[in-house]
C-alpha atoms as a PDB file:
ATOM      1  CA  MET A   1      74.598 100.538 180.152  1.00  0.00           C
ATOM      2  CA  PRO A   2      73.798 103.009 177.473  1.00  0.00           C
ATOM      3  CA  GLY A   3      70.786 102.974 174.986  1.00  0.00           C
ATOM      4  CA  LEU A   4      71.507 100.456 171.876  1.00  0.00           C
ATOM      5  CA  ASP A   5      71.295 103.323 169.631  1.00  0.00           C
ATOM      6  CA  GLU A   6      72.620 105.703 171.672  1.00  0.00           C
ATOM      7  CA  HIS A   7      75.641 106.270 168.818  1.00  0.00           C
ATOM      8  CA  LEU A   8      79.017 107.343 169.532  1.00  0.00           C
ATOM      9  CA  VAL A   9      79.467 107.785 166.177  1.00  0.00           C
ATOM     10  CA  LYS A  10      76.926 109.224 163.486  1.00  0.00           C
ATOM     11  CA  PRO A  11      75.336 106.336 161.494  1.00  0.00           C
ATOM     12  CA  GLU A  12      74.717 106.636 157.641  1.00  0.00           C
ATOM     13  CA  VAL A  13      76.811 109.899 157.866  1.00  0.00           C
ATOM     14  CA  THR A  14      80.825 108.555 158.270  1.00  0.00           C
ATOM     15  CA  ARG A  15      82.292 105.099 158.424  1.00  0.00           C
ATOM     16  CA  ASP A  16      83.130 105.640 162.040  1.00  0.00           C
ATOM     17  CA  GLU A  17      83.688 103.797 164.336  1.00  0.00           C
ATOM     18  CA  MET A  18      84.199 103.365 167.823  1.00  0.00           C
ATOM     19  CA  VAL A  19      86.313 100.611 170.373  1.00  0.00           C
ATOM     20  CA  ARG A  20      87.270 100.763 173.940  1.00  0.00           C
ATOM     21  CA  GLY A  21      87.417 104.690 173.376  1.00  0.00           C
ATOM     22  CA  GLU A  22      89.501 104.845 169.754  1.00  0.00           C
ATOM     23  CA  ARG A  23      88.038 105.874 167.260  1.00  0.00           C
ATOM     24  CA  MET A  24      88.237 103.668 163.575  1.00  0.00           C
ATOM     25  CA  VAL A  25      87.351 104.110 160.245  1.00  0.00           C
ATOM     26  CA  ALA A  26      85.116 100.352 158.962  1.00  0.00           C
ATOM     27  CA  MET A  27      86.653 100.387 155.257  1.00  0.00           C
ATOM     28  CA  PRO A  28      85.594  99.212 152.178  1.00  0.00           C
ATOM     29  CA  SER A  29      85.683  95.401 151.706  1.00  0.00           C
ATOM     30  CA  LEU A  30      88.106  93.367 149.316  1.00  0.00           C
ATOM     31  CA  PRO A  31      86.276  90.894 147.271  1.00  0.00           C
ATOM     32  CA  GLU A  32      87.077  87.912 149.608  1.00  0.00           C
ATOM     33  CA  HIS A  33      85.476  89.573 152.102  1.00  0.00           C
ATOM     34  CA  GLY A  34      82.199  91.768 150.502  1.00  0.00           C
ATOM     35  CA  ASP A  35      81.700  88.094 148.248  1.00  0.00           C
ATOM     36  CA  ARG A  36      81.684  85.549 151.419  1.00  0.00           C
ATOM     37  CA  HIS A  37      79.410  88.620 153.395  1.00  0.00           C
ATOM     38  CA  PHE A  38      76.887  88.139 150.509  1.00  0.00           C
ATOM     39  CA  GLY A  39      76.780  84.849 150.391  1.00  0.00           C
ATOM     40  CA  ILE A  40      76.141  85.017 154.940  1.00  0.00           C
ATOM     41  CA  ASP A  41      73.285  87.486 153.906  1.00  0.00           C
ATOM     42  CA  TYR A  42      71.827  85.206 151.753  1.00  0.00           C
ATOM     43  CA  VAL A  43      71.617  82.451 153.660  1.00  0.00           C
ATOM     44  CA  LEU A  44      70.569  83.316 157.166  1.00  0.00           C
ATOM     45  CA  GLY A  45      67.917  85.894 154.937  1.00  0.00           C
ATOM     46  CA  ALA A  46      66.214  81.604 154.384  1.00  0.00           C
ATOM     47  CA  HIS A  47      66.740  80.730 157.786  1.00  0.00           C
ATOM     48  CA  VAL A  48      65.680  83.336 160.026  1.00  0.00           C
ATOM     49  CA  LYS A  49      62.695  82.386 162.234  1.00  0.00           C
ATOM     50  CA  ALA A  50      59.391  84.196 161.937  1.00  0.00           C
ATOM     51  CA  ASP A  51      59.439  87.153 164.703  1.00  0.00           C
ATOM     52  CA  TYR A  52      63.044  87.670 164.393  1.00  0.00           C
ATOM     53  CA  VAL A  53      64.868  89.910 161.546  1.00  0.00           C
ATOM     54  CA  GLY A  54      68.297  89.817 160.549  1.00  0.00           C
ATOM     55  CA  SER A  55      70.123  92.935 159.942  1.00  0.00           C
ATOM     56  CA  THR A  56      73.566  94.172 157.984  1.00  0.00           C
ATOM     57  CA  ASP A  57      76.097  96.590 159.855  1.00  0.00           C
ATOM     58  CA  LEU A  58      73.630  96.982 162.425  1.00  0.00           C
ATOM     59  CA  LEU A  59      75.126  99.870 164.681  1.00  0.00           C
ATOM     60  CA  THR A  60      75.280  98.797 167.678  1.00  0.00           C
ATOM     61  CA  ARG A  61      76.489 100.479 171.327  1.00  0.00           C
ATOM     62  CA  PHE A  62      77.428  97.615 173.207  1.00  0.00           C
ATOM     63  CA  SER A  63      79.266  99.714 176.186  1.00  0.00           C
ATOM     64  CA  VAL A  64      80.085 102.768 176.966  1.00  0.00           C
ATOM     65  CA  GLU A  65      83.049 103.400 175.082  1.00  0.00           C
ATOM     66  CA  SER A  66      81.925 100.968 172.109  1.00  0.00           C
ATOM     67  CA  ASN A  67      80.041 101.328 169.171  1.00  0.00           C
ATOM     68  CA  PHE A  68      80.298  99.715 165.801  1.00  0.00           C
ATOM     69  CA  ALA A  69      78.913  96.672 163.771  1.00  0.00           C
ATOM     70  CA  THR A  70      78.996  93.670 162.999  1.00  0.00           C
ATOM     71  CA  ASP A  71      78.931  92.214 159.587  1.00  0.00           C
ATOM     72  CA  THR A  72      75.080  90.122 159.774  1.00  0.00           C
ATOM     73  CA  CYS A  73      73.134  89.769 162.320  1.00  0.00           C
ATOM     74  CA  ILE A  74      69.620  88.350 163.765  1.00  0.00           C
ATOM     75  CA  ARG A  75      67.645  89.915 166.318  1.00  0.00           C
ATOM     76  CA  ARG A  76      63.938  90.246 167.972  1.00  0.00           C
ATOM     77  CA  ASN A  77      61.489  91.966 165.568  1.00  0.00           C
ATOM     78  CA  GLY A  78      59.580  94.993 166.729  1.00  0.00           C
ATOM     79  CA  VAL A  79      60.350  96.843 170.518  1.00  0.00           C
ATOM     80  CA  ASN A  80      61.086  95.485 173.918  1.00  0.00           C
ATOM     81  CA  ALA A  81      58.794  96.614 176.412  1.00  0.00           C
ATOM     82  CA  GLU A  82      61.134  96.740 179.407  1.00  0.00           C
ATOM     83  CA  THR A  83      63.060  99.081 177.760  1.00  0.00           C
ATOM     84  CA  GLY A  84      61.119 101.053 175.214  1.00  0.00           C
ATOM     85  CA  GLU A  85      64.001 100.342 172.519  1.00  0.00           C
ATOM     86  CA  ARG A  86      64.796  97.672 169.976  1.00  0.00           C
ATOM     87  CA  TYR A  87      66.089  94.206 171.031  1.00  0.00           C
ATOM     88  CA  LEU A  88      69.467  93.651 171.217  1.00  0.00           C
ATOM     89  CA  GLU A  89      71.424  90.992 168.866  1.00  0.00           C
ATOM     90  CA  GLU A  90      70.801  87.795 169.898  1.00  0.00           C
ATOM     91  CA  VAL A  91      73.344  85.886 166.730  1.00  0.00           C
ATOM     92  CA  ALA A  92      76.223  87.843 165.388  1.00  0.00           C
ATOM     93  CA  PHE A  93      78.573  86.954 162.413  1.00  0.00           C
ATOM     94  CA  GLU A  94      82.206  88.548 161.138  1.00  0.00           C
ATOM     95  CA  VAL A  95      83.394  87.708 157.815  1.00  0.00           C
ATOM     96  CA  VAL A  96      87.234  87.780 159.085  1.00  0.00           C
ATOM     97  CA  ASN A  97      89.955  88.463 156.086  1.00  0.00           C
ATOM     98  CA  THR A  98      92.898  91.007 157.285  1.00  0.00           C
ATOM     99  CA  GLN A  99      90.934  91.601 160.813  1.00  0.00           C
ATOM    100  CA  SER A 100      93.410  91.071 163.489  1.00  0.00           C
ATOM    101  CA  ALA A 101      92.916  88.435 165.632  1.00  0.00           C
ATOM    102  CA  LYS A 102      93.394  90.932 168.937  1.00  0.00           C
ATOM    103  CA  ALA A 103      90.573  93.204 167.467  1.00  0.00           C
ATOM    104  CA  LEU A 104      88.325  89.949 166.324  1.00  0.00           C
ATOM    105  CA  ARG A 105      88.411  89.210 170.503  1.00  0.00           C
ATOM    106  CA  ILE A 106      87.509  93.333 171.383  1.00  0.00           C
ATOM    107  CA  ARG A 107      84.701  92.649 169.345  1.00  0.00           C
ATOM    108  CA  ALA A 108      83.759  89.061 170.576  1.00  0.00           C
ATOM    109  CA  GLU A 109      84.663  90.149 174.711  1.00  0.00           C
ATOM    110  CA  ASP A 110      82.377  93.462 174.190  1.00  0.00           C
ATOM    111  CA  LEU A 111      79.286  91.627 171.911  1.00  0.00           C
ATOM    112  CA  THR A 112      79.051  88.671 175.087  1.00  0.00           C
ATOM    113  CA  ALA A 113      79.621  91.400 177.910  1.00  0.00           C
ATOM    114  CA  ARG A 114      76.783  93.459 176.298  1.00  0.00           C
ATOM    115  CA  GLY A 115      74.424  90.533 176.247  1.00  0.00           C
ATOM    116  CA  VAL A 116      75.045  88.974 172.509  1.00  0.00           C
ATOM    117  CA  ARG A 117      74.071  85.329 173.340  1.00  0.00           C
ATOM    118  CA  ARG A 118      76.597  83.960 170.143  1.00  0.00           C
ATOM    119  CA  PHE A 119      79.327  85.287 168.188  1.00  0.00           C
ATOM    120  CA  PHE A 120      80.480  83.371 164.981  1.00  0.00           C
ATOM    121  CA  ALA A 121      83.649  84.569 162.788  1.00  0.00           C
ATOM    122  CA  ILE A 122      83.736  83.268 159.492  1.00  0.00           C
ATOM    123  CA  VAL A 123      87.285  82.653 158.612  1.00  0.00           C
ATOM    124  CA  VAL A 124      87.450  83.764 154.590  1.00  0.00           C
ATOM    125  CA  LYS A 125      92.227  82.641 153.804  1.00  0.00           C
ATOM    126  CA  LYS A 126      91.079  79.204 156.063  1.00  0.00           C
ATOM    127  CA  GLY A 127      87.816  77.895 155.550  1.00  0.00           C
ATOM    128  CA  GLU A 128      86.383  78.150 158.522  1.00  0.00           C
ATOM    129  CA  VAL A 129      83.304  79.000 160.369  1.00  0.00           C
ATOM    130  CA  ALA A 130      84.942  78.965 164.874  1.00  0.00           C
ATOM    131  CA  GLU A 131      82.588  80.268 167.532  1.00  0.00           C
ATOM    132  CA  TRP A 132      83.149  82.157 170.116  1.00  0.00           C
ATOM    133  CA  SER A 133      83.931  80.698 173.747  1.00  0.00           C
ATOM    134  CA  SER A 134      83.348  83.262 177.113  1.00  0.00           C
ATOM    135  CA  GLU A 135      84.035  80.341 179.066  1.00  0.00           C
ATOM    136  CA  LYS A 136      87.132  79.523 176.828  1.00  0.00           C
ATOM    137  CA  GLY A 137      88.095  83.283 176.171  1.00  0.00           C
ATOM    138  CA  ARG A 138      89.178  81.766 172.917  1.00  0.00           C
ATOM    139  CA  PHE A 139      86.988  80.473 168.976  1.00  0.00           C
ATOM    140  CA  VAL A 140      86.624  77.509 168.939  1.00  0.00           C
ATOM    141  CA  THR A 141      86.395  76.004 165.358  1.00  0.00           C
ATOM    142  CA  LEU A 142      83.418  73.790 163.877  1.00  0.00           C
ATOM    143  CA  ALA A 143      83.693  70.866 162.608  1.00  0.00           C
ATOM    144  CA  LYS A 144      82.649  71.712 158.200  1.00  0.00           C
ATOM    145  CA  ASP A 145      79.764  68.639 158.618  1.00  0.00           C
ATOM    146  CA  ALA A 146      78.500  70.624 161.916  1.00  0.00           C
ATOM    147  CA  GLU A 147      74.984  72.524 161.686  1.00  0.00           C
ATOM    148  CA  ILE A 148      74.966  75.730 163.641  1.00  0.00           C
ATOM    149  CA  VAL A 149      71.246  75.117 165.856  1.00  0.00           C
ATOM    150  CA  ASP A 150      69.481  78.709 167.223  1.00  0.00           C
ATOM    151  CA  PRO A 151      66.198  79.556 168.724  1.00  0.00           C
ATOM    152  CA  THR A 152      66.859  82.941 165.715  1.00  0.00           C
ATOM    153  CA  LEU A 153      67.027  79.647 163.228  1.00  0.00           C
ATOM    154  CA  ALA A 154      63.745  78.133 161.431  1.00  0.00           C
ATOM    155  CA  THR A 155      65.894  75.306 161.160  1.00  0.00           C
ATOM    156  CA  PRO A 156      69.508  74.282 161.697  1.00  0.00           C
ATOM    157  CA  LEU A 157      71.841  75.919 159.643  1.00  0.00           C
ATOM    158  CA  PRO A 158      75.028  74.510 157.468  1.00  0.00           C
ATOM    159  CA  VAL A 159      78.168  75.087 158.299  1.00  0.00           C
ATOM    160  CA  ARG A 160      79.024  74.675 155.194  1.00  0.00           C
ATOM    161  CA  ALA A 161      76.381  76.465 153.608  1.00  0.00           C
ATOM    162  CA  LEU A 162      78.806  79.449 155.409  1.00  0.00           C
ATOM    163  CA  LEU A 163      81.527  78.507 153.071  1.00  0.00           C
ATOM    164  CA  ASP A 164      80.290  77.074 149.602  1.00  0.00           C
ATOM    165  CA  ALA A 165      78.145  78.827 147.295  1.00  0.00           C
ATOM    166  CA  ALA A 166      76.859  75.618 145.975  1.00  0.00           C
ATOM    167  CA  GLU A 167      76.403  74.340 149.308  1.00  0.00           C
ATOM    168  CA  ALA A 168      74.235  77.899 150.304  1.00  0.00           C
ATOM    169  CA  ASP A 169      71.559  77.006 147.449  1.00  0.00           C
ATOM    170  CA  ASN A 170      70.714  73.808 149.288  1.00  0.00           C
ATOM    171  CA  GLY A 171      70.353  74.942 152.844  1.00  0.00           C
ATOM    172  CA  VAL A 172      68.648  78.002 151.855  1.00  0.00           C
ATOM    173  CA  ALA A 173      66.073  75.474 149.309  1.00  0.00           C
ATOM    174  CA  ARG A 174      65.784  73.786 152.692  1.00  0.00           C
ATOM    175  CA  ALA A 175      65.309  76.406 155.233  1.00  0.00           C
ATOM    176  CA  LEU A 176      62.534  77.760 152.324  1.00  0.00           C
ATOM    177  CA  LEU A 177      60.886  73.953 152.379  1.00  0.00           C
ATOM    178  CA  SER A 178      60.542  74.270 156.041  1.00  0.00           C
ATOM    179  CA  LYS A 179      59.016  77.512 156.107  1.00  0.00           C
ATOM    180  CA  ASN A 180      56.111  76.641 153.948  1.00  0.00           C
ATOM    181  CA  ASN A 181      57.153  79.038 151.693  1.00  0.00           C
ATOM    182  CA  PRO A 182      54.260  79.319 149.467  1.00  0.00           C
ATOM    183  CA  VAL A 183      55.958  79.359 146.152  1.00  0.00           C
ATOM    184  CA  LEU A 184      57.783  75.913 146.995  1.00  0.00           C
ATOM    185  CA  ALA A 185      55.034  74.794 148.473  1.00  0.00           C
ATOM    186  CA  ALA A 186      52.848  75.029 144.996  1.00  0.00           C
ATOM    187  CA  ALA A 187      55.373  73.918 143.342  1.00  0.00           C
ATOM    188  CA  GLN A 188      55.742  70.552 145.309  1.00  0.00           C
ATOM    189  CA  LYS A 189      52.009  70.028 145.032  1.00  0.00           C
ATOM    190  CA  LYS A 190      52.310  70.568 141.502  1.00  0.00           C
ATOM    191  CA  GLN A 191      54.326  68.492 141.195  1.00  0.00           C
ATOM    192  CA  ARG A 192      52.991  65.712 143.223  1.00  0.00           C
ATOM    193  CA  GLU A 193      49.646  65.938 141.566  1.00  0.00           C
ATOM    194  CA  GLU A 194      51.510  65.648 137.845  1.00  0.00           C
ATOM    195  CA  GLY A 195      53.110  62.571 139.430  1.00  0.00           C
ATOM    196  CA  ARG A 196      49.426  60.729 139.825  1.00  0.00           C
ATOM    197  CA  GLU A 197      48.198  62.269 137.168  1.00  0.00           C
ATOM    198  CA  GLU A 198      51.578  60.271 135.516  1.00  0.00           C
ATOM    199  CA  GLY A 199      50.396  57.130 137.080  1.00  0.00           C
ATOM    200  CA  ARG A 200      47.027  56.685 136.687  1.00  0.00           C
ATOM    201  CA  GLU A 201      47.561  57.444 132.507  1.00  0.00           C
ATOM    202  CA  GLU A 202      50.096  55.102 133.175  1.00  0.00           C
ATOM    203  CA  GLY A 203      47.406  52.926 134.465  1.00  0.00           C
ATOM    204  CA  ARG A 204      44.814  53.698 132.150  1.00  0.00           C
ATOM    205  CA  GLU A 205      47.226  52.812 129.632  1.00  0.00           C
ATOM    206  CA  GLU A 206      48.128  48.915 130.835  1.00  0.00           C
ATOM    207  CA  GLY A 207      44.662  48.702 131.205  1.00  0.00           C
ATOM    208  CA  LEU A 208      43.811  49.108 127.886  1.00  0.00           C
ATOM    209  CA  LEU A 209      47.167  47.302 126.324  1.00  0.00           C
ATOM    210  CA  LYS A 210      45.434  44.362 129.093  1.00  0.00           C
ATOM    211  CA  GLY A 211      42.082  44.147 127.774  1.00  0.00           C
ATOM    212  CA  LYS A 212      43.293  44.348 124.241  1.00  0.00           C
ATOM    213  CA  ALA A 213      45.604  41.205 124.835  1.00  0.00           C
ATOM    214  CA  SER A 214      42.975  39.277 126.599  1.00  0.00           C
ATOM    215  CA  ALA A 215      40.273  39.697 123.719  1.00  0.00           C
ATOM    216  CA  LEU A 216      43.053  38.674 121.437  1.00  0.00           C
ATOM    217  CA  LEU A 217      43.117  35.174 123.146  1.00  0.00           C
ATOM    218  CA  ALA A 218      39.629  35.217 123.928  1.00  0.00           C
ATOM    219  CA  ILE A 219      39.206  35.404 119.676  1.00  0.00           C
ATOM    220  CA  LEU A 220      42.049  32.467 119.184  1.00  0.00           C
ATOM    221  CA  ALA A 221      40.129  30.851 121.943  1.00  0.00           C
ATOM    222  CA  ALA A 222      36.789  30.807 120.101  1.00  0.00           C
ATOM    223  CA  ARG A 223      37.964  29.726 116.511  1.00  0.00           C
ATOM    224  CA  LYS A 224      39.650  26.781 118.554  1.00  0.00           C
ATOM    225  CA  LEU A 225      43.385  27.964 117.670  1.00  0.00           C
ATOM    226  CA  SER A 226      46.084  26.348 119.866  1.00  0.00           C
ATOM    227  CA  VAL A 227      47.968  29.669 121.325  1.00  0.00           C
ATOM    228  CA  ASP A 228      50.931  27.106 123.242  1.00  0.00           C
ATOM    229  CA  ALA A 229      53.125  28.991 126.305  1.00  0.00           C
ATOM    230  CA  GLU A 230      55.042  31.174 124.763  1.00  0.00           C
ATOM    231  CA  THR A 231      52.877  32.979 122.583  1.00  0.00           C
ATOM    232  CA  ARG A 232      50.395  33.558 124.643  1.00  0.00           C
ATOM    233  CA  GLN A 233      53.524  35.313 127.026  1.00  0.00           C
ATOM    234  CA  THR A 234      54.437  37.262 124.029  1.00  0.00           C
ATOM    235  CA  ILE A 235      50.358  37.908 123.648  1.00  0.00           C
ATOM    236  CA  MET A 236      50.008  39.383 127.403  1.00  0.00           C
ATOM    237  CA  ALA A 237      53.187  41.156 127.285  1.00  0.00           C
ATOM    238  CA  CYS A 238      53.035  43.186 124.892  1.00  0.00           C
ATOM    239  CA  LYS A 239      53.555  46.359 124.441  1.00  0.00           C
ATOM    240  CA  SER A 240      52.229  47.958 121.979  1.00  0.00           C
ATOM    241  CA  ALA A 241      48.822  48.791 121.075  1.00  0.00           C
ATOM    242  CA  GLN A 242      49.150  49.125 117.578  1.00  0.00           C
ATOM    243  CA  THR A 243      50.475  45.785 117.533  1.00  0.00           C
ATOM    244  CA  LEU A 244      47.443  44.614 119.539  1.00  0.00           C
ATOM    245  CA  ASP A 245      44.966  45.859 117.041  1.00  0.00           C
ATOM    246  CA  ARG A 246      46.751  44.570 114.312  1.00  0.00           C
ATOM    247  CA  TRP A 247      46.943  40.789 115.362  1.00  0.00           C
ATOM    248  CA  LEU A 248      43.400  41.150 116.717  1.00  0.00           C
ATOM    249  CA  LYS A 249      42.273  41.945 112.807  1.00  0.00           C
ATOM    250  CA  LYS A 250      43.796  38.676 111.772  1.00  0.00           C
ATOM    251  CA  ALA A 251      43.169  37.223 114.534  1.00  0.00           C
ATOM    252  CA  VAL A 252      39.557  36.929 112.535  1.00  0.00           C
ATOM    253  CA  THR A 253      40.267  35.358 109.476  1.00  0.00           C
ATOM    254  CA  ALA A 254      43.294  33.695 110.562  1.00  0.00           C
ATOM    255  CA  LYS A 255      44.119  29.686 110.719  1.00  0.00           C
ATOM    256  CA  SER A 256      46.739  29.612 113.552  1.00  0.00           C
ATOM    257  CA  ALA A 257      47.969  31.445 115.870  1.00  0.00           C
ATOM    258  CA  GLU A 258      51.521  31.644 114.149  1.00  0.00           C
ATOM    259  CA  GLU A 259      50.100  33.831 111.355  1.00  0.00           C
ATOM    260  CA  VAL A 260      48.097  35.967 113.414  1.00  0.00           C
ATOM    261  CA  MET A 261      51.890  36.709 114.943  1.00  0.00           C
ATOM    262  CA  GLY A 262      53.243  36.666 111.974  1.00  0.00           C
ATOM    263  CA  THR A 263      55.792  33.989 113.087  1.00  0.00           C
ATOM    264  CA  ALA A 264      56.694  30.364 111.331  1.00  0.00           C
ATOM    265  CA  PRO A 265      54.966  27.069 113.151  1.00  0.00           C
ATOM    266  CA  ARG A 266      56.645  25.232 114.918  1.00  0.00           C
ATOM    267  CA  ARG A 267      57.179  21.802 114.091  1.00  0.00           C
ATOM    268  CA  GLY A 268      57.311  19.028 116.593  1.00  0.00           C
END
């Protein structure tokens, strides 16, 4: 087999590709294709595992007669010590909008024959993701709630993330968290610390209220003012420091608990 970068066409000079000896032109995309292609790059960029690299429109010599690019691919980073060249793509993705089934099948056959492990097609018009099966000789549609698990990925890639913008954001967030992204990790740490501080502040406030309530009951008891169960419960359940302070001041001179609380005395 020729080298991966022994090209039959001139990369970055023409839009030409070669597929089984037939020269083709890689035309610019329509919005349906271009938008979905952008979304795939966005999602995969977050999921690519350390020591691997993602690439867009990477021109590769797949056979003696084929030299073309997939929309997006993932390969091991660095140089292959055995060949002295870059590594072959391990996983590749193609957005399918106007491309014929025959053309896509030919590309799938050439990719896998060269050694690409997995090839996925994102079918825009159907809103589906399918994976090429060499054994079956066709693409197999994946369930929308399925996940793509692969050694090149840091975390499983939800199929929905390849089809839906909102799910793409969710997938990216989860992937970055799994990779211990320093910005997100710092945000999580700050959130935890703020939560603990908020909890401590709530604890201090609750302790202060209980202290004031207990002091009020102690003053009433010292002055031998009768406090029934309902009044005691009201005092202990009070959540206003200002109210408790007002009751404490009145408790020093009041002649009854009812006067302290500002309630009418109960008649037996």
